[in-house]
Amino acid sequence: MAASGDLADVAVLDGGPLDGRQHPIELDTEKVRIVMTDGQQHQYLRTERVQALPDGRSAVVFEYGGRYYGPK
């Protein structure tokens, strides 16, 4: 894994409806929940993988962890 100074403050989302998108995160984030306008919530979980970004930095990959409705 890249040193934390080389990591971007974005996650690359892997799988699910947001596959391939970047999402802003804090560097110590372990999971990302994204709420859609129709109430669906999609969860992405941190992996040990990193992906190179076009600007040369690296981003942590977050893998799709499922979908649910309503508060959790």
N, C-alpha and C. Protein backbone atom coordinates (compact mmCIF):
# COMPACT_ATOMS: atom_id res chain seq x y z
N MET A 1 0.84 -1.18 0.00
CA MET A 1 0.00 0.00 0.00
C MET A 1 0.88 1.24 0.00
N ALA A 2 0.40 2.30 -0.60
CA ALA A 2 1.17 3.55 -0.65
C ALA A 2 1.20 4.20 0.72
N ALA A 3 2.20 5.01 0.96
CA ALA A 3 2.27 5.76 2.20
C ALA A 3 1.09 6.72 2.27
N SER A 4 0.61 7.01 3.49
CA SER A 4 -0.59 7.83 3.62
C SER A 4 -0.42 9.21 2.99
N GLY A 5 0.80 9.72 2.92
CA GLY A 5 1.02 11.01 2.28
C GLY A 5 0.77 10.98 0.79
N ASP A 6 0.83 9.81 0.18
CA ASP A 6 0.60 9.66 -1.26
C ASP A 6 -0.86 9.37 -1.58
N LEU A 7 -1.68 9.13 -0.56
CA LEU A 7 -3.07 8.78 -0.80
C LEU A 7 -3.91 10.03 -1.03
N ALA A 8 -4.80 9.94 -1.99
CA ALA A 8 -5.76 11.02 -2.24
C ALA A 8 -6.87 10.93 -1.21
N ASP A 9 -7.58 12.03 -1.00
CA ASP A 9 -8.70 12.02 -0.07
C ASP A 9 -10.00 11.67 -0.79
N VAL A 10 -9.89 10.69 -1.68
CA VAL A 10 -11.05 10.14 -2.37
C VAL A 10 -10.94 8.62 -2.34
N ALA A 11 -12.10 7.98 -2.44
CA ALA A 11 -12.17 6.53 -2.58
C ALA A 11 -12.60 6.22 -4.00
N VAL A 12 -12.11 5.12 -4.53
CA VAL A 12 -12.61 4.60 -5.80
C VAL A 12 -13.58 3.48 -5.44
N LEU A 13 -14.82 3.59 -5.92
CA LEU A 13 -15.86 2.62 -5.59
C LEU A 13 -15.84 1.47 -6.59
N ASP A 14 -15.87 0.24 -6.07
CA ASP A 14 -15.77 -0.97 -6.88
C ASP A 14 -17.04 -1.78 -6.73
N GLY A 15 -17.80 -1.92 -7.81
CA GLY A 15 -19.03 -2.70 -7.80
C GLY A 15 -20.26 -1.85 -7.52
N GLY A 16 -21.41 -2.48 -7.61
CA GLY A 16 -22.66 -1.79 -7.34
C GLY A 16 -22.96 -0.70 -8.35
N PRO A 17 -23.96 0.13 -8.05
CA PRO A 17 -24.41 1.13 -9.02
C PRO A 17 -23.44 2.30 -9.20
N LEU A 18 -22.48 2.45 -8.33
CA LEU A 18 -21.54 3.57 -8.42
C LEU A 18 -20.14 3.10 -8.83
N ASP A 19 -20.06 1.94 -9.43
CA ASP A 19 -18.79 1.33 -9.82
C ASP A 19 -17.92 2.30 -10.62
N GLY A 20 -16.66 2.44 -10.19
CA GLY A 20 -15.70 3.26 -10.91
C GLY A 20 -15.69 4.72 -10.51
N ARG A 21 -16.68 5.16 -9.75
CA ARG A 21 -16.73 6.57 -9.36
C ARG A 21 -15.79 6.85 -8.19
N GLN A 22 -15.41 8.10 -8.09
CA GLN A 22 -14.62 8.56 -6.95
C GLN A 22 -15.55 9.26 -5.98
N HIS A 23 -15.27 9.07 -4.68
CA HIS A 23 -16.10 9.69 -3.64
C HIS A 23 -15.17 10.26 -2.58
N PRO A 24 -15.39 11.52 -2.17
CA PRO A 24 -14.51 12.12 -1.16
C PRO A 24 -14.60 11.40 0.18
N ILE A 25 -13.46 11.22 0.85
CA ILE A 25 -13.41 10.55 2.15
C ILE A 25 -12.36 11.21 3.03
N GLU A 26 -12.44 10.93 4.33
CA GLU A 26 -11.35 11.20 5.25
C GLU A 26 -10.41 10.00 5.12
N LEU A 27 -9.12 10.17 5.32
CA LEU A 27 -8.17 9.08 5.08
C LEU A 27 -8.38 7.87 6.00
N ASP A 28 -9.01 8.05 7.17
CA ASP A 28 -9.23 6.91 8.07
C ASP A 28 -10.62 6.28 7.94
N THR A 29 -11.37 6.64 6.90
CA THR A 29 -12.72 6.11 6.68
C THR A 29 -12.67 4.60 6.42
N GLU A 30 -13.56 3.86 7.06
CA GLU A 30 -13.63 2.40 6.88
C GLU A 30 -14.81 1.97 6.01
N LYS A 31 -15.90 2.77 6.02
CA LYS A 31 -17.04 2.45 5.15
C LYS A 31 -17.71 3.72 4.69
N VAL A 32 -18.29 3.64 3.51
CA VAL A 32 -18.99 4.77 2.90
C VAL A 32 -20.42 4.33 2.64
N ARG A 33 -21.37 5.15 3.08
CA ARG A 33 -22.79 4.91 2.79
C ARG A 33 -23.27 6.05 1.92
N ILE A 34 -23.86 5.70 0.81
CA ILE A 34 -24.36 6.70 -0.12
C ILE A 34 -25.87 6.55 -0.21
N VAL A 35 -26.58 7.64 0.05
CA VAL A 35 -28.05 7.63 0.04
C VAL A 35 -28.51 8.21 -1.30
N MET A 36 -29.34 7.44 -1.99
CA MET A 36 -29.89 7.85 -3.27
C MET A 36 -31.19 8.62 -3.05
N THR A 37 -31.65 9.34 -4.04
CA THR A 37 -32.87 10.15 -3.90
C THR A 37 -34.11 9.31 -3.65
N ASP A 38 -34.11 8.04 -4.06
CA ASP A 38 -35.27 7.17 -3.84
C ASP A 38 -35.23 6.44 -2.50
N GLY A 39 -34.26 6.77 -1.66
CA GLY A 39 -34.17 6.16 -0.33
C GLY A 39 -33.23 4.97 -0.24
N GLN A 40 -32.78 4.45 -1.37
CA GLN A 40 -31.82 3.35 -1.32
C GLN A 40 -30.52 3.84 -0.71
N GLN A 41 -29.90 2.98 0.08
CA GLN A 41 -28.59 3.28 0.64
C GLN A 41 -27.63 2.19 0.19
N HIS A 42 -26.50 2.60 -0.32
CA HIS A 42 -25.49 1.67 -0.81
C HIS A 42 -24.25 1.81 0.07
N GLN A 43 -23.76 0.66 0.51
CA GLN A 43 -22.61 0.64 1.40
C GLN A 43 -21.38 0.11 0.67
N TYR A 44 -20.26 0.79 0.86
CA TYR A 44 -18.98 0.38 0.30
C TYR A 44 -17.98 0.26 1.45
N LEU A 45 -17.21 -0.82 1.44
CA LEU A 45 -16.28 -1.13 2.53
C LEU A 45 -14.83 -1.02 2.06
N ARG A 46 -14.00 -0.46 2.91
CA ARG A 46 -12.58 -0.26 2.60
C ARG A 46 -11.88 -1.60 2.37
N THR A 47 -11.00 -1.62 1.39
CA THR A 47 -10.17 -2.79 1.12
C THR A 47 -8.71 -2.37 1.34
N GLU A 48 -7.82 -3.31 1.17
CA GLU A 48 -6.38 -3.02 1.24
C GLU A 48 -5.84 -2.59 -0.12
N ARG A 49 -6.68 -2.62 -1.14
CA ARG A 49 -6.25 -2.28 -2.50
C ARG A 49 -6.18 -0.78 -2.70
N VAL A 50 -5.27 -0.36 -3.54
CA VAL A 50 -5.19 1.04 -3.96
C VAL A 50 -5.18 1.08 -5.48
N GLN A 51 -5.60 2.21 -6.02
CA GLN A 51 -5.66 2.38 -7.47
C GLN A 51 -5.01 3.72 -7.81
N ALA A 52 -4.22 3.72 -8.86
CA ALA A 52 -3.58 4.97 -9.31
C ALA A 52 -4.63 5.88 -9.95
N LEU A 53 -4.54 7.17 -9.62
CA LEU A 53 -5.41 8.18 -10.22
C LEU A 53 -4.66 8.87 -11.34
N PRO A 54 -5.37 9.52 -12.26
CA PRO A 54 -4.71 10.20 -13.37
C PRO A 54 -3.67 11.25 -12.94
N ASP A 55 -3.86 11.85 -11.76
CA ASP A 55 -2.92 12.88 -11.30
C ASP A 55 -1.68 12.30 -10.61
N GLY A 56 -1.56 10.97 -10.58
CA GLY A 56 -0.39 10.33 -10.01
C GLY A 56 -0.53 9.90 -8.56
N ARG A 57 -1.56 10.40 -7.86
CA ARG A 57 -1.79 9.95 -6.49
C ARG A 57 -2.47 8.58 -6.50
N SER A 58 -2.57 7.98 -5.33
CA SER A 58 -3.26 6.70 -5.19
C SER A 58 -4.51 6.89 -4.36
N ALA A 59 -5.54 6.10 -4.65
CA ALA A 59 -6.79 6.15 -3.90
C ALA A 59 -7.11 4.76 -3.38
N VAL A 60 -7.65 4.69 -2.19
CA VAL A 60 -8.07 3.41 -1.62
C VAL A 60 -9.32 2.95 -2.36
N VAL A 61 -9.42 1.65 -2.62
CA VAL A 61 -10.58 1.06 -3.26
C VAL A 61 -11.56 0.60 -2.18
N PHE A 62 -12.81 0.98 -2.34
CA PHE A 62 -13.89 0.55 -1.45
C PHE A 62 -14.80 -0.37 -2.26
N GLU A 63 -15.04 -1.57 -1.72
CA GLU A 63 -15.81 -2.61 -2.41
C GLU A 63 -17.27 -2.58 -2.00
N TYR A 64 -18.15 -2.85 -2.96
CA TYR A 64 -19.59 -2.82 -2.72
C TYR A 64 -19.97 -3.82 -1.62
N GLY A 65 -20.74 -3.33 -0.65
CA GLY A 65 -21.15 -4.17 0.47
C GLY A 65 -22.65 -4.38 0.58
N GLY A 66 -23.41 -3.89 -0.38
CA GLY A 66 -24.84 -4.14 -0.38
C GLY A 66 -25.69 -2.89 -0.37
N ARG A 67 -27.01 -3.15 -0.47
CA ARG A 67 -28.01 -2.09 -0.58
C ARG A 67 -29.09 -2.35 0.44
N TYR A 68 -29.65 -1.28 0.98
CA TYR A 68 -30.79 -1.40 1.88
C TYR A 68 -31.61 -0.13 1.83
N TYR A 69 -32.81 -0.18 2.39
CA TYR A 69 -33.71 0.98 2.46
C TYR A 69 -33.88 1.40 3.91
N GLY A 70 -34.14 2.67 4.12
CA GLY A 70 -34.46 3.16 5.45
C GLY A 70 -33.27 3.34 6.34
N PRO A 71 -33.52 3.84 7.56
CA PRO A 71 -32.41 4.09 8.49
C PRO A 71 -31.72 2.80 8.92
N LYS A 72 -30.44 2.92 9.20
CA LYS A 72 -29.68 1.74 9.65
C LYS A 72 -28.82 2.13 10.81
